[in-house]
Amino acid sequence: MKQRILLAASLLLSTITFVVSSCDSDGGQTGVAKPVVALAEVGSGNGKSVVAGKDLHLESELEAEGLIGHIDLSIASADGTNAVLAASWTDGKYIGVRNATFHEHVGIPANTAAGDYELTLAVTDQKGQSTAVTSELKITVPADGAPKVALAEVGKDDGKTAAAGEELHLEADITAPLKIAGIEVELHNSDAGYEFTSIFTGKYLGETSVHFHEHIEVPADAPAGEYHLHFTVTDAEGNATTEEVEGIQITEK
């Protein structure tokens, strides 16, 4: 009797061990957690919108115990019938590491129709495990006659640097068929939670084509670090165009 009980217990233990082992090997996981993907920004300021023909700012924190194998991005209409783009990263700084800040500017085709879209970012580790996250994304098209901005220089000799308490050299070519109503230059340091804004009208007001050339005063209390610039031109009909520049370094005086 005791032998039968011991035999049954042994068979049960073997079965449990087999099941656990099988579960551990499913999908090649072997106890390694699937990648973690945390979207931080979709569009400037995480506004979840972008203009057709412009770049989409995208940032996400990634963690993969099994090390990042590849990253895939897709954008399609909300109903899934119209694919806008698909992109993959299979080598470079994101691949083969456990932790990464995914920061890219992805071009949206100029012929993309305005509407509601869905963005999917998927991370697959080197063990074949994948995690995907989605976000809504609104794509708009420029209004007819909206201002056009071509930034020429940010900082002396386009060095993208300035010192707190001094001036930032800035040049741009602006075309506004419906006449310029205002120009706003905003710089912000997200890490420090600091921003400052300069507004220009004066000689630019009412013009349809100008070369913008100004030296913007950087506040003396601006913390040293990396800044992001928004250059926005608004016309007399309320149409606004914004161009962005990242990686501007403000140093201590």
C-alpha atoms as a PDB file:
ATOM      1  CA  MET A   1       0.000   0.000   0.000  1.00  0.00           C
ATOM      2  CA  LYS A   2       2.778   2.359   0.992  1.00  0.00           C
ATOM      3  CA  GLN A   3       4.609   1.499  -2.230  1.00  0.00           C
ATOM      4  CA  ARG A   4       1.513   2.435  -4.293  1.00  0.00           C
ATOM      5  CA  ILE A   5       1.168   5.764  -2.452  1.00  0.00           C
ATOM      6  CA  LEU A   6       4.875   6.528  -2.989  1.00  0.00           C
ATOM      7  CA  LEU A   7       4.606   5.604  -6.669  1.00  0.00           C
ATOM      8  CA  ALA A   8       1.552   7.817  -7.149  1.00  0.00           C
ATOM      9  CA  ALA A   9       3.251  10.708  -5.383  1.00  0.00           C
ATOM     10  CA  SER A  10       6.344  10.266  -7.512  1.00  0.00           C
ATOM     11  CA  LEU A  11       4.286  10.271 -10.711  1.00  0.00           C
ATOM     12  CA  LEU A  12       2.410  13.391  -9.567  1.00  0.00           C
ATOM     13  CA  LEU A  13       5.677  15.189  -8.758  1.00  0.00           C
ATOM     14  CA  SER A  14       7.102  14.246 -12.145  1.00  0.00           C
ATOM     15  CA  THR A  15       3.989  15.551 -13.888  1.00  0.00           C
ATOM     16  CA  ILE A  16       4.126  18.890 -12.022  1.00  0.00           C
ATOM     17  CA  THR A  17       7.830  19.223 -12.828  1.00  0.00           C
ATOM     18  CA  PHE A  18       7.141  18.542 -16.518  1.00  0.00           C
ATOM     19  CA  VAL A  19       4.304  21.092 -16.651  1.00  0.00           C
ATOM     20  CA  VAL A  20       6.381  23.780 -14.947  1.00  0.00           C
ATOM     21  CA  SER A  21       9.318  23.094 -17.258  1.00  0.00           C
ATOM     22  CA  SER A  22       7.047  23.246 -20.285  1.00  0.00           C
ATOM     23  CA  CYS A  23       5.588  26.576 -19.189  1.00  0.00           C
ATOM     24  CA  ASP A  24       9.051  28.014 -18.661  1.00  0.00           C
ATOM     25  CA  SER A  25      10.071  27.034 -22.178  1.00  0.00           C
ATOM     26  CA  ASP A  26       6.936  28.301 -23.924  1.00  0.00           C
ATOM     27  CA  GLY A  27       7.849  31.014 -26.427  1.00  0.00           C
ATOM     28  CA  GLY A  28      11.508  30.713 -25.487  1.00  0.00           C
ATOM     29  CA  GLN A  29      10.982  32.862 -22.394  1.00  0.00           C
ATOM     30  CA  THR A  30      13.000  30.747 -19.918  1.00  0.00           C
ATOM     31  CA  GLY A  31      11.990  33.013 -17.071  1.00  0.00           C
ATOM     32  CA  VAL A  32      13.044  36.290 -18.747  1.00  0.00           C
ATOM     33  CA  ALA A  33      10.431  39.036 -18.597  1.00  0.00           C
ATOM     34  CA  LYS A  34       8.959  40.416 -21.782  1.00  0.00           C
ATOM     35  CA  PRO A  35      10.070  43.897 -22.890  1.00  0.00           C
ATOM     36  CA  VAL A  36       8.508  46.925 -21.202  1.00  0.00           C
ATOM     37  CA  VAL A  37       7.548  49.872 -23.418  1.00  0.00           C
ATOM     38  CA  ALA A  38       6.474  53.217 -21.917  1.00  0.00           C
ATOM     39  CA  LEU A  39       5.509  55.877 -24.452  1.00  0.00           C
ATOM     40  CA  ALA A  40       6.546  59.299 -23.161  1.00  0.00           C
ATOM     41  CA  GLU A  41       5.833  61.541 -26.145  1.00  0.00           C
ATOM     42  CA  VAL A  42       3.830  61.139 -29.337  1.00  0.00           C
ATOM     43  CA  GLY A  43       4.090  64.452 -31.133  1.00  0.00           C
ATOM     44  CA  SER A  44       5.553  67.639 -29.715  1.00  0.00           C
ATOM     45  CA  GLY A  45       4.637  68.045 -26.064  1.00  0.00           C
ATOM     46  CA  ASN A  46       2.872  64.666 -26.266  1.00  0.00           C
ATOM     47  CA  GLY A  47       0.101  66.417 -28.189  1.00  0.00           C
ATOM     48  CA  LYS A  48      -0.554  63.235 -30.198  1.00  0.00           C
ATOM     49  CA  SER A  49      -0.774  65.227 -33.409  1.00  0.00           C
ATOM     50  CA  VAL A  50       1.434  66.018 -36.375  1.00  0.00           C
ATOM     51  CA  VAL A  51       1.168  67.893 -39.661  1.00  0.00           C
ATOM     52  CA  ALA A  52       1.500  65.900 -42.885  1.00  0.00           C
ATOM     53  CA  GLY A  53       4.888  66.581 -44.437  1.00  0.00           C
ATOM     54  CA  LYS A  54       6.493  67.245 -41.030  1.00  0.00           C
ATOM     55  CA  ASP A  55       8.404  65.059 -38.581  1.00  0.00           C
ATOM     56  CA  LEU A  56       6.646  63.250 -35.753  1.00  0.00           C
ATOM     57  CA  HIS A  57       8.506  63.567 -32.448  1.00  0.00           C
ATOM     58  CA  LEU A  58       8.491  60.193 -30.711  1.00  0.00           C
ATOM     59  CA  GLU A  59      10.011  59.186 -27.376  1.00  0.00           C
ATOM     60  CA  SER A  60       9.683  56.043 -25.300  1.00  0.00           C
ATOM     61  CA  GLU A  61      11.490  54.357 -22.416  1.00  0.00           C
ATOM     62  CA  LEU A  62      12.391  50.750 -23.170  1.00  0.00           C
ATOM     63  CA  GLU A  63      13.517  47.881 -20.960  1.00  0.00           C
ATOM     64  CA  ALA A  64      14.234  44.350 -22.117  1.00  0.00           C
ATOM     65  CA  GLU A  65      15.775  41.745 -19.826  1.00  0.00           C
ATOM     66  CA  GLY A  66      16.385  39.640 -22.902  1.00  0.00           C
ATOM     67  CA  LEU A  67      18.115  42.607 -24.642  1.00  0.00           C
ATOM     68  CA  ILE A  68      16.482  44.551 -27.474  1.00  0.00           C
ATOM     69  CA  GLY A  69      16.475  42.664 -30.766  1.00  0.00           C
ATOM     70  CA  HIS A  70      14.502  45.039 -32.976  1.00  0.00           C
ATOM     71  CA  ILE A  71      11.987  47.893 -32.784  1.00  0.00           C
ATOM     72  CA  ASP A  72       9.052  48.276 -35.156  1.00  0.00           C
ATOM     73  CA  LEU A  73       6.852  51.312 -35.716  1.00  0.00           C
ATOM     74  CA  SER A  74       3.668  51.504 -37.745  1.00  0.00           C
ATOM     75  CA  ILE A  75       1.017  54.163 -38.317  1.00  0.00           C
ATOM     76  CA  ALA A  76      -2.324  53.311 -39.876  1.00  0.00           C
ATOM     77  CA  SER A  77      -5.793  54.801 -39.995  1.00  0.00           C
ATOM     78  CA  ALA A  78      -7.896  54.090 -36.946  1.00  0.00           C
ATOM     79  CA  ASP A  79      -9.945  51.529 -38.895  1.00  0.00           C
ATOM     80  CA  GLY A  80      -6.779  49.821 -40.133  1.00  0.00           C
ATOM     81  CA  THR A  81      -7.518  50.298 -43.826  1.00  0.00           C
ATOM     82  CA  ASN A  82      -4.917  52.940 -44.668  1.00  0.00           C
ATOM     83  CA  ALA A  83      -1.267  52.383 -43.752  1.00  0.00           C
ATOM     84  CA  VAL A  84       0.783  55.578 -43.528  1.00  0.00           C
ATOM     85  CA  LEU A  85       4.222  54.180 -42.771  1.00  0.00           C
ATOM     86  CA  ALA A  86       6.190  51.312 -41.300  1.00  0.00           C
ATOM     87  CA  ALA A  87       9.730  51.581 -39.969  1.00  0.00           C
ATOM     88  CA  SER A  88      12.132  49.232 -38.191  1.00  0.00           C
ATOM     89  CA  TRP A  89      15.343  49.599 -36.207  1.00  0.00           C
ATOM     90  CA  THR A  90      17.478  46.457 -36.367  1.00  0.00           C
ATOM     91  CA  ASP A  91      20.922  47.821 -35.566  1.00  0.00           C
ATOM     92  CA  GLY A  92      22.513  50.822 -33.909  1.00  0.00           C
ATOM     93  CA  LYS A  93      22.371  52.247 -30.401  1.00  0.00           C
ATOM     94  CA  TYR A  94      19.048  50.650 -29.404  1.00  0.00           C
ATOM     95  CA  ILE A  95      19.959  47.081 -30.265  1.00  0.00           C
ATOM     96  CA  GLY A  96      21.574  44.601 -27.897  1.00  0.00           C
ATOM     97  CA  VAL A  97      21.006  46.711 -24.787  1.00  0.00           C
ATOM     98  CA  ARG A  98      18.691  46.254 -21.829  1.00  0.00           C
ATOM     99  CA  ASN A  99      17.582  49.860 -21.322  1.00  0.00           C
ATOM    100  CA  ALA A 100      17.193  52.598 -23.901  1.00  0.00           C
ATOM    101  CA  THR A 101      15.465  55.911 -24.464  1.00  0.00           C
ATOM    102  CA  PHE A 102      13.977  55.632 -27.923  1.00  0.00           C
ATOM    103  CA  HIS A 103      13.976  59.159 -29.376  1.00  0.00           C
ATOM    104  CA  GLU A 104      13.291  59.630 -33.071  1.00  0.00           C
ATOM    105  CA  HIS A 105      11.785  62.113 -35.505  1.00  0.00           C
ATOM    106  CA  VAL A 106       9.804  60.196 -38.094  1.00  0.00           C
ATOM    107  CA  GLY A 107       8.792  61.870 -41.349  1.00  0.00           C
ATOM    108  CA  ILE A 108       5.080  61.797 -42.166  1.00  0.00           C
ATOM    109  CA  PRO A 109       4.442  61.695 -45.933  1.00  0.00           C
ATOM    110  CA  ALA A 110       3.178  65.028 -47.266  1.00  0.00           C
ATOM    111  CA  ASN A 111       0.325  63.321 -49.147  1.00  0.00           C
ATOM    112  CA  THR A 112      -1.160  61.764 -45.993  1.00  0.00           C
ATOM    113  CA  ALA A 113      -4.857  62.552 -45.622  1.00  0.00           C
ATOM    114  CA  ALA A 114      -6.009  64.371 -42.515  1.00  0.00           C
ATOM    115  CA  GLY A 115      -7.707  62.143 -39.980  1.00  0.00           C
ATOM    116  CA  ASP A 116      -7.449  59.954 -36.903  1.00  0.00           C
ATOM    117  CA  TYR A 117      -4.724  57.330 -36.910  1.00  0.00           C
ATOM    118  CA  GLU A 118      -3.268  54.687 -34.591  1.00  0.00           C
ATOM    119  CA  LEU A 119       0.432  54.416 -33.861  1.00  0.00           C
ATOM    120  CA  THR A 120       1.935  51.097 -32.767  1.00  0.00           C
ATOM    121  CA  LEU A 121       5.410  50.739 -31.295  1.00  0.00           C
ATOM    122  CA  ALA A 122       6.624  47.168 -30.797  1.00  0.00           C
ATOM    123  CA  VAL A 123       9.819  45.970 -29.142  1.00  0.00           C
ATOM    124  CA  THR A 124      11.088  42.431 -29.617  1.00  0.00           C
ATOM    125  CA  ASP A 125      13.906  41.049 -27.490  1.00  0.00           C
ATOM    126  CA  GLN A 126      16.643  38.666 -28.582  1.00  0.00           C
ATOM    127  CA  LYS A 127      14.630  35.732 -27.231  1.00  0.00           C
ATOM    128  CA  GLY A 128      11.753  36.512 -29.579  1.00  0.00           C
ATOM    129  CA  GLN A 129       9.421  37.986 -26.974  1.00  0.00           C
ATOM    130  CA  SER A 130       7.531  41.074 -28.095  1.00  0.00           C
ATOM    131  CA  THR A 131       5.552  43.860 -26.459  1.00  0.00           C
ATOM    132  CA  ALA A 132       3.511  46.412 -28.425  1.00  0.00           C
ATOM    133  CA  VAL A 133       1.865  49.633 -27.278  1.00  0.00           C
ATOM    134  CA  THR A 134      -0.515  51.858 -29.206  1.00  0.00           C
ATOM    135  CA  SER A 135      -1.478  55.521 -29.179  1.00  0.00           C
ATOM    136  CA  GLU A 136      -3.981  57.654 -31.000  1.00  0.00           C
ATOM    137  CA  LEU A 137      -2.502  60.133 -33.456  1.00  0.00           C
ATOM    138  CA  LYS A 138      -4.199  62.960 -35.304  1.00  0.00           C
ATOM    139  CA  ILE A 139      -2.708  63.981 -38.632  1.00  0.00           C
ATOM    140  CA  THR A 140      -3.621  67.390 -40.040  1.00  0.00           C
ATOM    141  CA  VAL A 141      -2.756  69.106 -43.303  1.00  0.00           C
ATOM    142  CA  PRO A 142      -1.464  72.673 -43.686  1.00  0.00           C
ATOM    143  CA  ALA A 143      -4.122  75.266 -44.496  1.00  0.00           C
ATOM    144  CA  ASP A 144      -3.931  76.858 -47.924  1.00  0.00           C
ATOM    145  CA  GLY A 145      -1.612  79.832 -47.724  1.00  0.00           C
ATOM    146  CA  ALA A 146      -0.305  78.911 -44.262  1.00  0.00           C
ATOM    147  CA  PRO A 147       3.088  80.448 -43.361  1.00  0.00           C
ATOM    148  CA  LYS A 148       6.269  78.660 -44.368  1.00  0.00           C
ATOM    149  CA  VAL A 149       9.338  78.824 -42.156  1.00  0.00           C
ATOM    150  CA  ALA A 150      12.905  77.829 -43.000  1.00  0.00           C
ATOM    151  CA  LEU A 151      15.229  78.158 -40.020  1.00  0.00           C
ATOM    152  CA  ALA A 152      18.698  79.161 -41.180  1.00  0.00           C
ATOM    153  CA  GLU A 153      20.745  79.657 -38.010  1.00  0.00           C
ATOM    154  CA  VAL A 154      20.244  78.833 -34.359  1.00  0.00           C
ATOM    155  CA  GLY A 155      23.195  80.159 -32.388  1.00  0.00           C
ATOM    156  CA  LYS A 156      26.298  81.738 -33.849  1.00  0.00           C
ATOM    157  CA  ASP A 157      27.319  79.903 -37.037  1.00  0.00           C
ATOM    158  CA  ASP A 158      24.360  77.568 -36.371  1.00  0.00           C
ATOM    159  CA  GLY A 159      26.237  76.149 -33.383  1.00  0.00           C
ATOM    160  CA  LYS A 160      22.991  75.764 -31.395  1.00  0.00           C
ATOM    161  CA  THR A 161      24.634  77.159 -28.277  1.00  0.00           C
ATOM    162  CA  ALA A 162      24.253  80.244 -26.078  1.00  0.00           C
ATOM    163  CA  ALA A 163      25.052  81.271 -22.519  1.00  0.00           C
ATOM    164  CA  ALA A 164      22.618  82.263 -19.782  1.00  0.00           C
ATOM    165  CA  GLY A 165      22.458  86.040 -19.540  1.00  0.00           C
ATOM    166  CA  GLU A 166      23.658  86.491 -23.121  1.00  0.00           C
ATOM    167  CA  GLU A 167      22.030  86.325 -26.576  1.00  0.00           C
ATOM    168  CA  LEU A 168      20.986  83.515 -28.893  1.00  0.00           C
ATOM    169  CA  HIS A 169      21.511  84.342 -32.581  1.00  0.00           C
ATOM    170  CA  LEU A 170      18.503  83.292 -34.678  1.00  0.00           C
ATOM    171  CA  GLU A 171      17.750  83.589 -38.406  1.00  0.00           C
ATOM    172  CA  ALA A 172      14.873  82.288 -40.524  1.00  0.00           C
ATOM    173  CA  ASP A 173      13.211  82.909 -43.856  1.00  0.00           C
ATOM    174  CA  ILE A 174       9.448  83.370 -43.621  1.00  0.00           C
ATOM    175  CA  THR A 175       6.789  83.396 -46.322  1.00  0.00           C
ATOM    176  CA  ALA A 176       3.227  84.277 -45.290  1.00  0.00           C
ATOM    177  CA  PRO A 177       0.862  85.031 -48.230  1.00  0.00           C
ATOM    178  CA  LEU A 178      -1.872  86.108 -45.777  1.00  0.00           C
ATOM    179  CA  LYS A 179       0.518  88.458 -43.924  1.00  0.00           C
ATOM    180  CA  ILE A 180       2.412  87.952 -40.704  1.00  0.00           C
ATOM    181  CA  ALA A 181       0.432  88.705 -37.554  1.00  0.00           C
ATOM    182  CA  GLY A 182       2.978  87.518 -35.004  1.00  0.00           C
ATOM    183  CA  ILE A 183       6.145  85.522 -34.389  1.00  0.00           C
ATOM    184  CA  GLU A 184       6.796  83.601 -31.170  1.00  0.00           C
ATOM    185  CA  VAL A 185      10.035  81.923 -30.161  1.00  0.00           C
ATOM    186  CA  GLU A 186       9.805  79.575 -27.168  1.00  0.00           C
ATOM    187  CA  LEU A 187      12.635  77.588 -25.615  1.00  0.00           C
ATOM    188  CA  HIS A 188      12.180  75.027 -22.881  1.00  0.00           C
ATOM    189  CA  ASN A 189      14.304  72.721 -20.797  1.00  0.00           C
ATOM    190  CA  SER A 190      12.081  69.761 -19.917  1.00  0.00           C
ATOM    191  CA  ASP A 191      14.490  68.295 -17.378  1.00  0.00           C
ATOM    192  CA  ALA A 192      14.626  71.549 -15.409  1.00  0.00           C
ATOM    193  CA  GLY A 193      10.965  72.477 -15.972  1.00  0.00           C
ATOM    194  CA  TYR A 194      12.056  75.872 -17.307  1.00  0.00           C
ATOM    195  CA  GLU A 195      10.948  77.857 -20.358  1.00  0.00           C
ATOM    196  CA  PHE A 196      11.049  81.369 -21.752  1.00  0.00           C
ATOM    197  CA  THR A 197       9.274  83.041 -24.659  1.00  0.00           C
ATOM    198  CA  SER A 198      10.044  85.988 -26.949  1.00  0.00           C
ATOM    199  CA  ILE A 199       7.368  87.618 -29.142  1.00  0.00           C
ATOM    200  CA  PHE A 200       8.071  89.698 -32.232  1.00  0.00           C
ATOM    201  CA  THR A 201       5.793  91.923 -34.319  1.00  0.00           C
ATOM    202  CA  GLY A 202       7.135  95.382 -35.199  1.00  0.00           C
ATOM    203  CA  LYS A 203       8.866  95.395 -38.557  1.00  0.00           C
ATOM    204  CA  TYR A 204       7.544  91.904 -39.378  1.00  0.00           C
ATOM    205  CA  LEU A 205       3.853  92.714 -38.885  1.00  0.00           C
ATOM    206  CA  GLY A 206       1.858  92.690 -42.135  1.00  0.00           C
ATOM    207  CA  GLU A 207       4.751  91.413 -44.250  1.00  0.00           C
ATOM    208  CA  THR A 208       4.388  88.481 -46.626  1.00  0.00           C
ATOM    209  CA  SER A 209       8.062  87.596 -47.072  1.00  0.00           C
ATOM    210  CA  VAL A 210      10.859  88.439 -44.624  1.00  0.00           C
ATOM    211  CA  HIS A 211      14.254  87.371 -43.393  1.00  0.00           C
ATOM    212  CA  PHE A 212      13.982  87.079 -39.623  1.00  0.00           C
ATOM    213  CA  HIS A 213      17.223  88.050 -37.882  1.00  0.00           C
ATOM    214  CA  GLU A 214      17.212  88.595 -34.141  1.00  0.00           C
ATOM    215  CA  HIS A 215      19.340  88.093 -31.051  1.00  0.00           C
ATOM    216  CA  ILE A 216      17.151  86.629 -28.341  1.00  0.00           C
ATOM    217  CA  GLU A 217      18.021  87.460 -24.755  1.00  0.00           C
ATOM    218  CA  VAL A 218      18.568  84.324 -22.689  1.00  0.00           C
ATOM    219  CA  PRO A 219      17.495  84.980 -19.071  1.00  0.00           C
ATOM    220  CA  ALA A 220      20.359  85.050 -16.583  1.00  0.00           C
ATOM    221  CA  ASP A 221      18.557  82.478 -14.426  1.00  0.00           C
ATOM    222  CA  ALA A 222      18.130  79.972 -17.276  1.00  0.00           C
ATOM    223  CA  PRO A 223      19.547  76.670 -15.972  1.00  0.00           C
ATOM    224  CA  ALA A 224      22.332  75.122 -18.000  1.00  0.00           C
ATOM    225  CA  GLY A 225      21.259  72.161 -20.085  1.00  0.00           C
ATOM    226  CA  GLU A 226      19.586  71.040 -23.294  1.00  0.00           C
ATOM    227  CA  TYR A 227      16.732  73.111 -24.714  1.00  0.00           C
ATOM    228  CA  HIS A 228      14.055  72.598 -27.352  1.00  0.00           C
ATOM    229  CA  LEU A 229      13.045  75.553 -29.544  1.00  0.00           C
ATOM    230  CA  HIS A 230       9.609  76.219 -31.063  1.00  0.00           C
ATOM    231  CA  PHE A 231       9.509  78.925 -33.735  1.00  0.00           C
ATOM    232  CA  THR A 232       5.878  79.792 -34.548  1.00  0.00           C
ATOM    233  CA  VAL A 233       4.580  82.185 -37.198  1.00  0.00           C
ATOM    234  CA  THR A 234       0.875  83.127 -37.212  1.00  0.00           C
ATOM    235  CA  ASP A 235      -0.776  84.924 -40.115  1.00  0.00           C
ATOM    236  CA  ALA A 236      -3.670  87.372 -40.218  1.00  0.00           C
ATOM    237  CA  GLU A 237      -6.165  84.520 -40.746  1.00  0.00           C
ATOM    238  CA  GLY A 238      -4.996  82.659 -37.645  1.00  0.00           C
ATOM    239  CA  ASN A 239      -3.046  79.973 -39.511  1.00  0.00           C
ATOM    240  CA  ALA A 240       0.079  78.994 -37.588  1.00  0.00           C
ATOM    241  CA  THR A 241       3.208  77.120 -38.591  1.00  0.00           C
ATOM    242  CA  THR A 242       5.738  75.847 -36.068  1.00  0.00           C
ATOM    243  CA  GLU A 243       9.255  74.645 -36.725  1.00  0.00           C
ATOM    244  CA  GLU A 244      11.255  72.923 -33.996  1.00  0.00           C
ATOM    245  CA  VAL A 245      14.924  72.532 -33.145  1.00  0.00           C
ATOM    246  CA  GLU A 246      16.230  70.170 -30.475  1.00  0.00           C
ATOM    247  CA  GLY A 247      19.628  69.852 -28.851  1.00  0.00           C
ATOM    248  CA  ILE A 248      20.223  73.539 -28.133  1.00  0.00           C
ATOM    249  CA  GLN A 249      22.767  73.897 -25.340  1.00  0.00           C
ATOM    250  CA  ILE A 250      22.465  76.738 -22.839  1.00  0.00           C
ATOM    251  CA  THR A 251      25.592  77.036 -20.714  1.00  0.00           C
ATOM    252  CA  GLU A 252      26.439  78.962 -17.588  1.00  0.00           C
ATOM    253  CA  LYS A 253      27.793  82.437 -18.244  1.00  0.00           C
END
